[in-house]
Amino acid sequence: MLKWSDQLSIGVEEIDNQHKELINRCADLLSAMAKGKGKDEVAGTLNFLTEYAVFHFNAEEKIMKDNAYPGFAHHKQQHEYFTGKVAELKDRLNREGPTSSLAIQAQRLLSDWLVNHISVIDSALGAFLLEKK
């Protein structure tokens, strides 16, 4: 089961709190899937991500710009990749409706991308910001 741990903390409270919310939503989808209700949850998860990821990425990108983060371009590119993948899943949802395979694909994207992004890309940002203090 996917859940927040202090190992995922990047040391920026605002961002860590947003990451917790993203991981909680991913965990909700996983929990629903374990109960055979993934199809019921996937639409809500994708709708949430469509809005919240933009909010979260804008907050991160503002912090990066405000601190002249040298990895900004690559980091932003990762955000664009994720929002593109979410848009693809949402398009599929609109075409096919909520399916089990869509729920599985959304869960994989969330689990793999979120954990990898936070633990590698966002951790580098966190380390940079801590060095600036």
C-alpha atoms as a PDB file:
ATOM      1  CA  MET A   1       0.000   0.000   0.000  1.00  0.00           C
ATOM      2  CA  LEU A   2       1.265   3.429  -0.898  1.00  0.00           C
ATOM      3  CA  LYS A   3       1.440   5.897   1.954  1.00  0.00           C
ATOM      4  CA  TRP A   4       3.364   8.959   3.030  1.00  0.00           C
ATOM      5  CA  SER A   5       6.617   8.484   4.877  1.00  0.00           C
ATOM      6  CA  ASP A   6       9.174  10.964   6.148  1.00  0.00           C
ATOM      7  CA  GLN A   7      11.592   9.557   3.564  1.00  0.00           C
ATOM      8  CA  LEU A   8       9.507  11.339   0.929  1.00  0.00           C
ATOM      9  CA  SER A   9       9.783  14.697   2.697  1.00  0.00           C
ATOM     10  CA  ILE A  10      11.778  17.304   0.785  1.00  0.00           C
ATOM     11  CA  GLY A  11      11.911  19.688   3.740  1.00  0.00           C
ATOM     12  CA  VAL A  12       9.520  22.324   2.356  1.00  0.00           C
ATOM     13  CA  GLU A  13       6.314  22.147   4.396  1.00  0.00           C
ATOM     14  CA  GLU A  14       4.020  23.594   1.711  1.00  0.00           C
ATOM     15  CA  ILE A  15       5.245  21.105  -0.888  1.00  0.00           C
ATOM     16  CA  ASP A  16       5.357  18.168   1.525  1.00  0.00           C
ATOM     17  CA  ASN A  17       1.721  18.820   2.482  1.00  0.00           C
ATOM     18  CA  GLN A  18       0.727  18.875  -1.183  1.00  0.00           C
ATOM     19  CA  HIS A  19       2.643  15.645  -1.794  1.00  0.00           C
ATOM     20  CA  LYS A  20       0.789  14.061   1.130  1.00  0.00           C
ATOM     21  CA  GLU A  21      -2.527  14.982  -0.489  1.00  0.00           C
ATOM     22  CA  LEU A  22      -1.444  13.501  -3.827  1.00  0.00           C
ATOM     23  CA  ILE A  23      -0.284  10.284  -2.165  1.00  0.00           C
ATOM     24  CA  ASN A  24      -3.493  10.048  -0.125  1.00  0.00           C
ATOM     25  CA  ARG A  25      -5.533  10.268  -3.319  1.00  0.00           C
ATOM     26  CA  CYS A  26      -3.397   7.571  -4.896  1.00  0.00           C
ATOM     27  CA  ALA A  27      -3.886   5.417  -1.791  1.00  0.00           C
ATOM     28  CA  ASP A  28      -7.651   5.952  -2.043  1.00  0.00           C
ATOM     29  CA  LEU A  29      -7.598   4.633  -5.598  1.00  0.00           C
ATOM     30  CA  LEU A  30      -5.496   1.621  -4.560  1.00  0.00           C
ATOM     31  CA  SER A  31      -7.834   0.892  -1.674  1.00  0.00           C
ATOM     32  CA  ALA A  32     -10.867   1.087  -3.950  1.00  0.00           C
ATOM     33  CA  MET A  33      -9.166  -1.231  -6.439  1.00  0.00           C
ATOM     34  CA  ALA A  34      -8.425  -3.753  -3.683  1.00  0.00           C
ATOM     35  CA  LYS A  35     -12.163  -3.784  -2.923  1.00  0.00           C
ATOM     36  CA  GLY A  36     -13.071  -4.230  -6.602  1.00  0.00           C
ATOM     37  CA  LYS A  37     -14.291  -0.632  -6.825  1.00  0.00           C
ATOM     38  CA  GLY A  38     -11.471   0.919  -8.883  1.00  0.00           C
ATOM     39  CA  LYS A  39     -13.851   1.808 -11.707  1.00  0.00           C
ATOM     40  CA  ASP A  40     -15.941   3.816  -9.243  1.00  0.00           C
ATOM     41  CA  GLU A  41     -12.950   5.786  -7.967  1.00  0.00           C
ATOM     42  CA  VAL A  42     -10.922   6.411 -11.128  1.00  0.00           C
ATOM     43  CA  ALA A  43     -13.050   9.265 -12.510  1.00  0.00           C
ATOM     44  CA  GLY A  44     -12.867  11.185  -9.236  1.00  0.00           C
ATOM     45  CA  THR A  45      -9.122  10.592  -8.999  1.00  0.00           C
ATOM     46  CA  LEU A  46      -8.491  11.842 -12.537  1.00  0.00           C
ATOM     47  CA  ASN A  47     -10.725  14.879 -12.013  1.00  0.00           C
ATOM     48  CA  PHE A  48      -8.861  15.689  -8.803  1.00  0.00           C
ATOM     49  CA  LEU A  49      -5.481  15.301 -10.506  1.00  0.00           C
ATOM     50  CA  THR A  50      -6.461  17.498 -13.416  1.00  0.00           C
ATOM     51  CA  GLU A  51      -6.936  20.414 -11.034  1.00  0.00           C
ATOM     52  CA  TYR A  52      -4.675  19.639  -8.080  1.00  0.00           C
ATOM     53  CA  ALA A  53      -1.579  18.701 -10.062  1.00  0.00           C
ATOM     54  CA  VAL A  54      -1.706  22.079 -11.809  1.00  0.00           C
ATOM     55  CA  PHE A  55      -2.080  23.838  -8.446  1.00  0.00           C
ATOM     56  CA  HIS A  56       0.779  21.823  -6.960  1.00  0.00           C
ATOM     57  CA  PHE A  57       3.094  22.171  -9.957  1.00  0.00           C
ATOM     58  CA  ASN A  58       2.492  25.930 -10.091  1.00  0.00           C
ATOM     59  CA  ALA A  59       3.450  26.185  -6.405  1.00  0.00           C
ATOM     60  CA  GLU A  60       6.627  24.160  -6.946  1.00  0.00           C
ATOM     61  CA  GLU A  61       7.565  26.096 -10.050  1.00  0.00           C
ATOM     62  CA  LYS A  62       7.080  29.410  -8.270  1.00  0.00           C
ATOM     63  CA  ILE A  63       9.442  28.256  -5.512  1.00  0.00           C
ATOM     64  CA  MET A  64      11.966  27.178  -8.128  1.00  0.00           C
ATOM     65  CA  LYS A  65      11.763  30.515  -9.965  1.00  0.00           C
ATOM     66  CA  ASP A  66      11.923  32.531  -6.754  1.00  0.00           C
ATOM     67  CA  ASN A  67      15.093  30.677  -5.760  1.00  0.00           C
ATOM     68  CA  ALA A  68      16.735  30.564  -9.207  1.00  0.00           C
ATOM     69  CA  TYR A  69      16.758  26.763  -9.141  1.00  0.00           C
ATOM     70  CA  PRO A  70      19.174  25.560 -11.846  1.00  0.00           C
ATOM     71  CA  GLY A  71      17.161  22.380 -12.500  1.00  0.00           C
ATOM     72  CA  PHE A  72      13.986  24.317 -13.271  1.00  0.00           C
ATOM     73  CA  ALA A  73      13.700  23.439 -16.982  1.00  0.00           C
ATOM     74  CA  HIS A  74      14.070  19.694 -16.441  1.00  0.00           C
ATOM     75  CA  HIS A  75      11.755  19.748 -13.432  1.00  0.00           C
ATOM     76  CA  LYS A  76       9.075  21.649 -15.350  1.00  0.00           C
ATOM     77  CA  GLN A  77       9.439  19.171 -18.205  1.00  0.00           C
ATOM     78  CA  GLN A  78       8.663  16.342 -15.760  1.00  0.00           C
ATOM     79  CA  HIS A  79       5.540  18.193 -14.619  1.00  0.00           C
ATOM     80  CA  GLU A  80       4.421  18.618 -18.224  1.00  0.00           C
ATOM     81  CA  TYR A  81       4.936  14.909 -18.861  1.00  0.00           C
ATOM     82  CA  PHE A  82       2.728  14.005 -15.901  1.00  0.00           C
ATOM     83  CA  THR A  83      -0.054  16.449 -16.784  1.00  0.00           C
ATOM     84  CA  GLY A  84       0.048  15.115 -20.353  1.00  0.00           C
ATOM     85  CA  LYS A  85      -0.327  11.538 -19.120  1.00  0.00           C
ATOM     86  CA  VAL A  86      -3.221  12.528 -16.854  1.00  0.00           C
ATOM     87  CA  ALA A  87      -4.877  14.300 -19.815  1.00  0.00           C
ATOM     88  CA  GLU A  88      -4.471  11.126 -21.902  1.00  0.00           C
ATOM     89  CA  LEU A  89      -6.119   9.057 -19.177  1.00  0.00           C
ATOM     90  CA  LYS A  90      -8.924  11.596 -18.835  1.00  0.00           C
ATOM     91  CA  ASP A  91      -9.496  11.524 -22.608  1.00  0.00           C
ATOM     92  CA  ARG A  92      -9.680   7.738 -22.427  1.00  0.00           C
ATOM     93  CA  LEU A  93     -12.146   8.016 -19.541  1.00  0.00           C
ATOM     94  CA  ASN A  94     -14.326  10.339 -21.624  1.00  0.00           C
ATOM     95  CA  ARG A  95     -14.203   7.955 -24.610  1.00  0.00           C
ATOM     96  CA  GLU A  96     -14.550   4.598 -22.860  1.00  0.00           C
ATOM     97  CA  GLY A  97     -15.973   5.395 -19.444  1.00  0.00           C
ATOM     98  CA  PRO A  98     -14.510   4.085 -16.199  1.00  0.00           C
ATOM     99  CA  THR A  99     -12.949   0.687 -16.820  1.00  0.00           C
ATOM    100  CA  SER A 100     -10.827  -1.615 -14.713  1.00  0.00           C
ATOM    101  CA  SER A 101      -7.899  -1.273 -17.115  1.00  0.00           C
ATOM    102  CA  LEU A 102      -8.111   2.520 -16.886  1.00  0.00           C
ATOM    103  CA  ALA A 103      -8.059   2.304 -13.093  1.00  0.00           C
ATOM    104  CA  ILE A 104      -4.979   0.065 -13.260  1.00  0.00           C
ATOM    105  CA  GLN A 105      -3.227   2.398 -15.692  1.00  0.00           C
ATOM    106  CA  ALA A 106      -4.031   5.440 -13.523  1.00  0.00           C
ATOM    107  CA  GLN A 107      -2.828   3.641 -10.398  1.00  0.00           C
ATOM    108  CA  ARG A 108       0.458   2.691 -12.061  1.00  0.00           C
ATOM    109  CA  LEU A 109       1.074   6.222 -13.274  1.00  0.00           C
ATOM    110  CA  LEU A 110       0.343   7.649  -9.855  1.00  0.00           C
ATOM    111  CA  SER A 111       2.326   5.132  -7.874  1.00  0.00           C
ATOM    112  CA  ASP A 112       5.368   4.969 -10.124  1.00  0.00           C
ATOM    113  CA  TRP A 113       5.594   8.568 -11.227  1.00  0.00           C
ATOM    114  CA  LEU A 114       4.729  10.195  -7.918  1.00  0.00           C
ATOM    115  CA  VAL A 115       7.115   8.187  -5.787  1.00  0.00           C
ATOM    116  CA  ASN A 116       9.948   8.432  -8.315  1.00  0.00           C
ATOM    117  CA  HIS A 117       9.364  12.135  -8.924  1.00  0.00           C
ATOM    118  CA  ILE A 118       9.195  13.006  -5.243  1.00  0.00           C
ATOM    119  CA  SER A 119      12.116  10.827  -4.190  1.00  0.00           C
ATOM    120  CA  VAL A 120      14.452  11.906  -7.012  1.00  0.00           C
ATOM    121  CA  ILE A 121      13.428  15.148  -8.732  1.00  0.00           C
ATOM    122  CA  ASP A 122      11.734  16.895  -5.812  1.00  0.00           C
ATOM    123  CA  SER A 123      14.381  15.692  -3.360  1.00  0.00           C
ATOM    124  CA  ALA A 124      17.019  17.447  -5.457  1.00  0.00           C
ATOM    125  CA  LEU A 125      14.967  20.652  -5.229  1.00  0.00           C
ATOM    126  CA  GLY A 126      14.626  20.195  -1.473  1.00  0.00           C
ATOM    127  CA  ALA A 127      18.382  19.701  -1.069  1.00  0.00           C
ATOM    128  CA  PHE A 128      19.047  22.828  -3.130  1.00  0.00           C
ATOM    129  CA  LEU A 129      16.652  24.898  -1.037  1.00  0.00           C
ATOM    130  CA  LEU A 130      18.148  23.623   2.221  1.00  0.00           C
ATOM    131  CA  GLU A 131      21.643  24.559   1.020  1.00  0.00           C
ATOM    132  CA  LYS A 132      20.426  28.110   0.296  1.00  0.00           C
ATOM    133  CA  LYS A 133      19.314  28.617   3.907  1.00  0.00           C
END
